Amino acid sequence: MKKSDYFILTAAFLSFVFSVYLWFNNQQQEGLYVGIWVPSILAAGGYFKLISKQ
């Protein structure tokens, strides 16, 4: 794994943790919104990883 892979995984994990934090602090709508960032971050990371191989 490269340094950029760790960056993408860290960003997705922090987004997940922030989403859970919001959910359990009675901000469910905001928690759901932040929660949908996780797959978007991972998908963008996978896309850029594929582009860099070409």
PDB file of N, CA and C in Angstrom:
ATOM      1  N   MET A   1       0.829  -1.180   0.000  1.00  0.00           N
ATOM      2  CA  MET A   1       0.000   0.000   0.000  1.00  0.00           C
ATOM      3  C   MET A   1       0.879   1.251   0.000  1.00  0.00           C
ATOM      4  N   LYS A   2       0.407   2.216  -0.787  1.00  0.00           N
ATOM      5  CA  LYS A   2       1.145   3.461  -0.884  1.00  0.00           C
ATOM      6  C   LYS A   2       0.603   4.481   0.125  1.00  0.00           C
ATOM      7  N   LYS A   3       1.323   5.567   0.241  1.00  0.00           N
ATOM      8  CA  LYS A   3       0.942   6.628   1.170  1.00  0.00           C
ATOM      9  C   LYS A   3      -0.448   7.181   0.832  1.00  0.00           C
ATOM     10  N   SER A   4      -0.762   7.284  -0.438  1.00  0.00           N
ATOM     11  CA  SER A   4      -2.061   7.809  -0.841  1.00  0.00           C
ATOM     12  C   SER A   4      -3.202   6.875  -0.427  1.00  0.00           C
ATOM     13  N   ASP A   5      -2.944   5.567  -0.413  1.00  0.00           N
ATOM     14  CA  ASP A   5      -3.964   4.611   0.028  1.00  0.00           C
ATOM     15  C   ASP A   5      -4.302   4.817   1.501  1.00  0.00           C
ATOM     16  N   TYR A   6      -3.288   5.058   2.301  1.00  0.00           N
ATOM     17  CA  TYR A   6      -3.517   5.316   3.724  1.00  0.00           C
ATOM     18  C   TYR A   6      -4.294   6.611   3.924  1.00  0.00           C
ATOM     19  N   PHE A   7      -4.024   7.599   3.090  1.00  0.00           N
ATOM     20  CA  PHE A   7      -4.740   8.865   3.185  1.00  0.00           C
ATOM     21  C   PHE A   7      -6.229   8.667   2.891  1.00  0.00           C
ATOM     22  N   ILE A   8      -6.551   7.929   1.844  1.00  0.00           N
ATOM     23  CA  ILE A   8      -7.945   7.669   1.473  1.00  0.00           C
ATOM     24  C   ILE A   8      -8.649   6.881   2.569  1.00  0.00           C
ATOM     25  N   LEU A   9      -8.006   5.838   3.074  1.00  0.00           N
ATOM     26  CA  LEU A   9      -8.618   5.032   4.131  1.00  0.00           C
ATOM     27  C   LEU A   9      -8.807   5.837   5.410  1.00  0.00           C
ATOM     28  N   THR A  10      -7.870   6.687   5.725  1.00  0.00           N
ATOM     29  CA  THR A  10      -7.995   7.528   6.917  1.00  0.00           C
ATOM     30  C   THR A  10      -9.145   8.520   6.761  1.00  0.00           C
ATOM     31  N   ALA A  11      -9.266   9.115   5.595  1.00  0.00           N
ATOM     32  CA  ALA A  11     -10.360  10.059   5.357  1.00  0.00           C
ATOM     33  C   ALA A  11     -11.714   9.361   5.462  1.00  0.00           C
ATOM     34  N   ALA A  12     -11.833   8.158   4.918  1.00  0.00           N
ATOM     35  CA  ALA A  12     -13.088   7.413   4.998  1.00  0.00           C
ATOM     36  C   ALA A  12     -13.393   7.024   6.443  1.00  0.00           C
ATOM     37  N   PHE A  13     -12.382   6.596   7.175  1.00  0.00           N
ATOM     38  CA  PHE A  13     -12.587   6.198   8.559  1.00  0.00           C
ATOM     39  C   PHE A  13     -12.999   7.392   9.422  1.00  0.00           C
ATOM     40  N   LEU A  14     -12.346   8.536   9.230  1.00  0.00           N
ATOM     41  CA  LEU A  14     -12.712   9.725   9.991  1.00  0.00           C
ATOM     42  C   LEU A  14     -14.132  10.185   9.663  1.00  0.00           C
ATOM     43  N   SER A  15     -14.517  10.058   8.418  1.00  0.00           N
ATOM     44  CA  SER A  15     -15.878  10.390   8.030  1.00  0.00           C
ATOM     45  C   SER A  15     -16.873   9.471   8.729  1.00  0.00           C
ATOM     46  N   PHE A  16     -16.560   8.194   8.798  1.00  0.00           N
ATOM     47  CA  PHE A  16     -17.429   7.239   9.481  1.00  0.00           C
ATOM     48  C   PHE A  16     -17.544   7.563  10.969  1.00  0.00           C
ATOM     49  N   VAL A  17     -16.422   7.841  11.606  1.00  0.00           N
ATOM     50  CA  VAL A  17     -16.424   8.160  13.033  1.00  0.00           C
ATOM     51  C   VAL A  17     -17.221   9.435  13.292  1.00  0.00           C
ATOM     52  N   PHE A  18     -17.046  10.439  12.460  1.00  0.00           N
ATOM     53  CA  PHE A  18     -17.784  11.686  12.619  1.00  0.00           C
ATOM     54  C   PHE A  18     -19.278  11.453  12.426  1.00  0.00           C
ATOM     55  N   SER A  19     -19.639  10.595  11.485  1.00  0.00           N
ATOM     56  CA  SER A  19     -21.039  10.265  11.251  1.00  0.00           C
ATOM     57  C   SER A  19     -21.659   9.601  12.482  1.00  0.00           C
ATOM     58  N   VAL A  20     -20.950   8.656  13.062  1.00  0.00           N
ATOM     59  CA  VAL A  20     -21.449   7.975  14.268  1.00  0.00           C
ATOM     60  C   VAL A  20     -21.571   8.969  15.421  1.00  0.00           C
ATOM     61  N   TYR A  21     -20.600   9.855  15.550  1.00  0.00           N
ATOM     62  CA  TYR A  21     -20.641  10.886  16.593  1.00  0.00           C
ATOM     63  C   TYR A  21     -21.889  11.748  16.444  1.00  0.00           C
ATOM     64  N   LEU A  22     -22.155  12.205  15.230  1.00  0.00           N
ATOM     65  CA  LEU A  22     -23.327  13.040  15.006  1.00  0.00           C
ATOM     66  C   LEU A  22     -24.610  12.281  15.296  1.00  0.00           C
ATOM     67  N   TRP A  23     -24.674  11.027  14.866  1.00  0.00           N
ATOM     68  CA  TRP A  23     -25.879  10.220  15.055  1.00  0.00           C
ATOM     69  C   TRP A  23     -26.223  10.092  16.541  1.00  0.00           C
ATOM     70  N   PHE A  24     -25.231   9.820  17.364  1.00  0.00           N
ATOM     71  CA  PHE A  24     -25.485   9.602  18.782  1.00  0.00           C
ATOM     72  C   PHE A  24     -25.549  10.897  19.594  1.00  0.00           C
ATOM     73  N   ASN A  25     -25.371  12.028  18.949  1.00  0.00           N
ATOM     74  CA  ASN A  25     -25.555  13.321  19.602  1.00  0.00           C
ATOM     75  C   ASN A  25     -26.809  14.017  19.082  1.00  0.00           C
ATOM     76  N   ASN A  26     -27.818  13.218  18.752  1.00  0.00           N
ATOM     77  CA  ASN A  26     -29.136  13.702  18.326  1.00  0.00           C
ATOM     78  C   ASN A  26     -29.090  14.613  17.116  1.00  0.00           C
ATOM     79  N   GLN A  27     -28.214  14.305  16.184  1.00  0.00           N
ATOM     80  CA  GLN A  27     -28.167  15.013  14.906  1.00  0.00           C
ATOM     81  C   GLN A  27     -28.197  13.964  13.799  1.00  0.00           C
ATOM     82  N   GLN A  28     -29.307  13.222  13.754  1.00  0.00           N
ATOM     83  CA  GLN A  28     -29.398  12.086  12.835  1.00  0.00           C
ATOM     84  C   GLN A  28     -29.302  12.498  11.367  1.00  0.00           C
ATOM     85  N   GLN A  29     -29.946  13.596  10.998  1.00  0.00           N
ATOM     86  CA  GLN A  29     -29.895  14.022   9.598  1.00  0.00           C
ATOM     87  C   GLN A  29     -28.469  14.342   9.159  1.00  0.00           C
ATOM     88  N   GLU A  30     -27.747  15.036  10.001  1.00  0.00           N
ATOM     89  CA  GLU A  30     -26.360  15.372   9.685  1.00  0.00           C
ATOM     90  C   GLU A  30     -25.490  14.115   9.665  1.00  0.00           C
ATOM     91  N   GLY A  31     -25.770  13.200  10.590  1.00  0.00           N
ATOM     92  CA  GLY A  31     -25.026  11.946  10.630  1.00  0.00           C
ATOM     93  C   GLY A  31     -25.221  11.114   9.373  1.00  0.00           C
ATOM     94  N   LEU A  32     -26.446  11.085   8.871  1.00  0.00           N
ATOM     95  CA  LEU A  32     -26.702  10.363   7.621  1.00  0.00           C
ATOM     96  C   LEU A  32     -25.986  11.021   6.446  1.00  0.00           C
ATOM     97  N   TYR A  33     -26.009  12.340   6.425  1.00  0.00           N
ATOM     98  CA  TYR A  33     -25.352  13.066   5.346  1.00  0.00           C
ATOM     99  C   TYR A  33     -23.845  12.788   5.327  1.00  0.00           C
ATOM    100  N   VAL A  34     -23.224  12.862   6.490  1.00  0.00           N
ATOM    101  CA  VAL A  34     -21.791  12.603   6.562  1.00  0.00           C
ATOM    102  C   VAL A  34     -21.508  11.130   6.296  1.00  0.00           C
ATOM    103  N   GLY A  35     -22.425  10.256   6.678  1.00  0.00           N
ATOM    104  CA  GLY A  35     -22.234   8.825   6.454  1.00  0.00           C
ATOM    105  C   GLY A  35     -22.164   8.441   4.988  1.00  0.00           C
ATOM    106  N   ILE A  36     -22.854   9.187   4.137  1.00  0.00           N
ATOM    107  CA  ILE A  36     -22.788   8.849   2.713  1.00  0.00           C
ATOM    108  C   ILE A  36     -21.500   9.326   2.059  1.00  0.00           C
ATOM    109  N   TRP A  37     -20.671  10.049   2.806  1.00  0.00           N
ATOM    110  CA  TRP A  37     -19.360  10.436   2.285  1.00  0.00           C
ATOM    111  C   TRP A  37     -18.425   9.237   2.194  1.00  0.00           C
ATOM    112  N   VAL A  38     -18.606   8.259   3.079  1.00  0.00           N
ATOM    113  CA  VAL A  38     -17.656   7.137   3.152  1.00  0.00           C
ATOM    114  C   VAL A  38     -17.537   6.403   1.815  1.00  0.00           C
ATOM    115  N   PRO A  39     -18.632   5.917   1.224  1.00  0.00           N
ATOM    116  CA  PRO A  39     -18.463   5.240  -0.063  1.00  0.00           C
ATOM    117  C   PRO A  39     -17.984   6.165  -1.175  1.00  0.00           C
ATOM    118  N   SER A  40     -18.347   7.444  -1.085  1.00  0.00           N
ATOM    119  CA  SER A  40     -17.881   8.399  -2.094  1.00  0.00           C
ATOM    120  C   SER A  40     -16.373   8.591  -2.018  1.00  0.00           C
ATOM    121  N   ILE A  41     -15.847   8.683  -0.812  1.00  0.00           N
ATOM    122  CA  ILE A  41     -14.400   8.838  -0.632  1.00  0.00           C
ATOM    123  C   ILE A  41     -13.678   7.598  -1.138  1.00  0.00           C
ATOM    124  N   LEU A  42     -14.192   6.424  -0.795  1.00  0.00           N
ATOM    125  CA  LEU A  42     -13.550   5.178  -1.233  1.00  0.00           C
ATOM    126  C   LEU A  42     -13.619   5.015  -2.754  1.00  0.00           C
ATOM    127  N   ALA A  43     -14.753   5.384  -3.339  1.00  0.00           N
ATOM    128  CA  ALA A  43     -14.893   5.289  -4.794  1.00  0.00           C
ATOM    129  C   ALA A  43     -13.945   6.257  -5.498  1.00  0.00           C
ATOM    130  N   ALA A  44     -13.842   7.469  -4.988  1.00  0.00           N
ATOM    131  CA  ALA A  44     -12.924   8.442  -5.588  1.00  0.00           C
ATOM    132  C   ALA A  44     -11.485   7.952  -5.464  1.00  0.00           C
ATOM    133  N   GLY A  45     -11.151   7.367  -4.324  1.00  0.00           N
ATOM    134  CA  GLY A  45      -9.803   6.821  -4.146  1.00  0.00           C
ATOM    135  C   GLY A  45      -9.507   5.699  -5.121  1.00  0.00           C
ATOM    136  N   GLY A  46     -10.480   4.814  -5.317  1.00  0.00           N
ATOM    137  CA  GLY A  46     -10.299   3.734  -6.285  1.00  0.00           C
ATOM    138  C   GLY A  46     -10.170   4.250  -7.704  1.00  0.00           C
ATOM    139  N   TYR A  47     -10.950   5.255  -8.038  1.00  0.00           N
ATOM    140  CA  TYR A  47     -10.881   5.861  -9.367  1.00  0.00           C
ATOM    141  C   TYR A  47      -9.503   6.465  -9.630  1.00  0.00           C
ATOM    142  N   PHE A  48      -9.009   7.257  -8.676  1.00  0.00           N
ATOM    143  CA  PHE A  48      -7.707   7.878  -8.867  1.00  0.00           C
ATOM    144  C   PHE A  48      -6.576   6.859  -8.873  1.00  0.00           C
ATOM    145  N   LYS A  49      -6.763   5.773  -8.153  1.00  0.00           N
ATOM    146  CA  LYS A  49      -5.762   4.709  -8.163  1.00  0.00           C
ATOM    147  C   LYS A  49      -5.693   4.038  -9.544  1.00  0.00           C
ATOM    148  N   LEU A  50      -6.872   3.831 -10.147  1.00  0.00           N
ATOM    149  CA  LEU A  50      -6.904   3.240 -11.487  1.00  0.00           C
ATOM    150  C   LEU A  50      -6.301   4.177 -12.531  1.00  0.00           C
ATOM    151  N   ILE A  51      -6.580   5.460 -12.405  1.00  0.00           N
ATOM    152  CA  ILE A  51      -6.040   6.431 -13.356  1.00  0.00           C
ATOM    153  C   ILE A  51      -4.516   6.490 -13.260  1.00  0.00           C
ATOM    154  N   SER A  52      -3.997   6.409 -12.058  1.00  0.00           N
ATOM    155  CA  SER A  52      -2.543   6.551 -11.893  1.00  0.00           C
ATOM    156  C   SER A  52      -1.785   5.348 -12.437  1.00  0.00           C
ATOM    157  N   LYS A  53      -2.454   4.221 -12.635  1.00  0.00           N
ATOM    158  CA  LYS A  53      -1.783   3.026 -13.183  1.00  0.00           C
ATOM    159  C   LYS A  53      -1.611   3.092 -14.690  1.00  0.00           C
ATOM    160  N   GLN A  54      -2.370   3.954 -15.358  1.00  0.00           N
ATOM    161  CA  GLN A  54      -2.303   4.014 -16.819  1.00  0.00           C
ATOM    162  C   GLN A  54      -1.167   4.852 -17.303  1.00  0.00           C
TER     163      GLN A  54
END
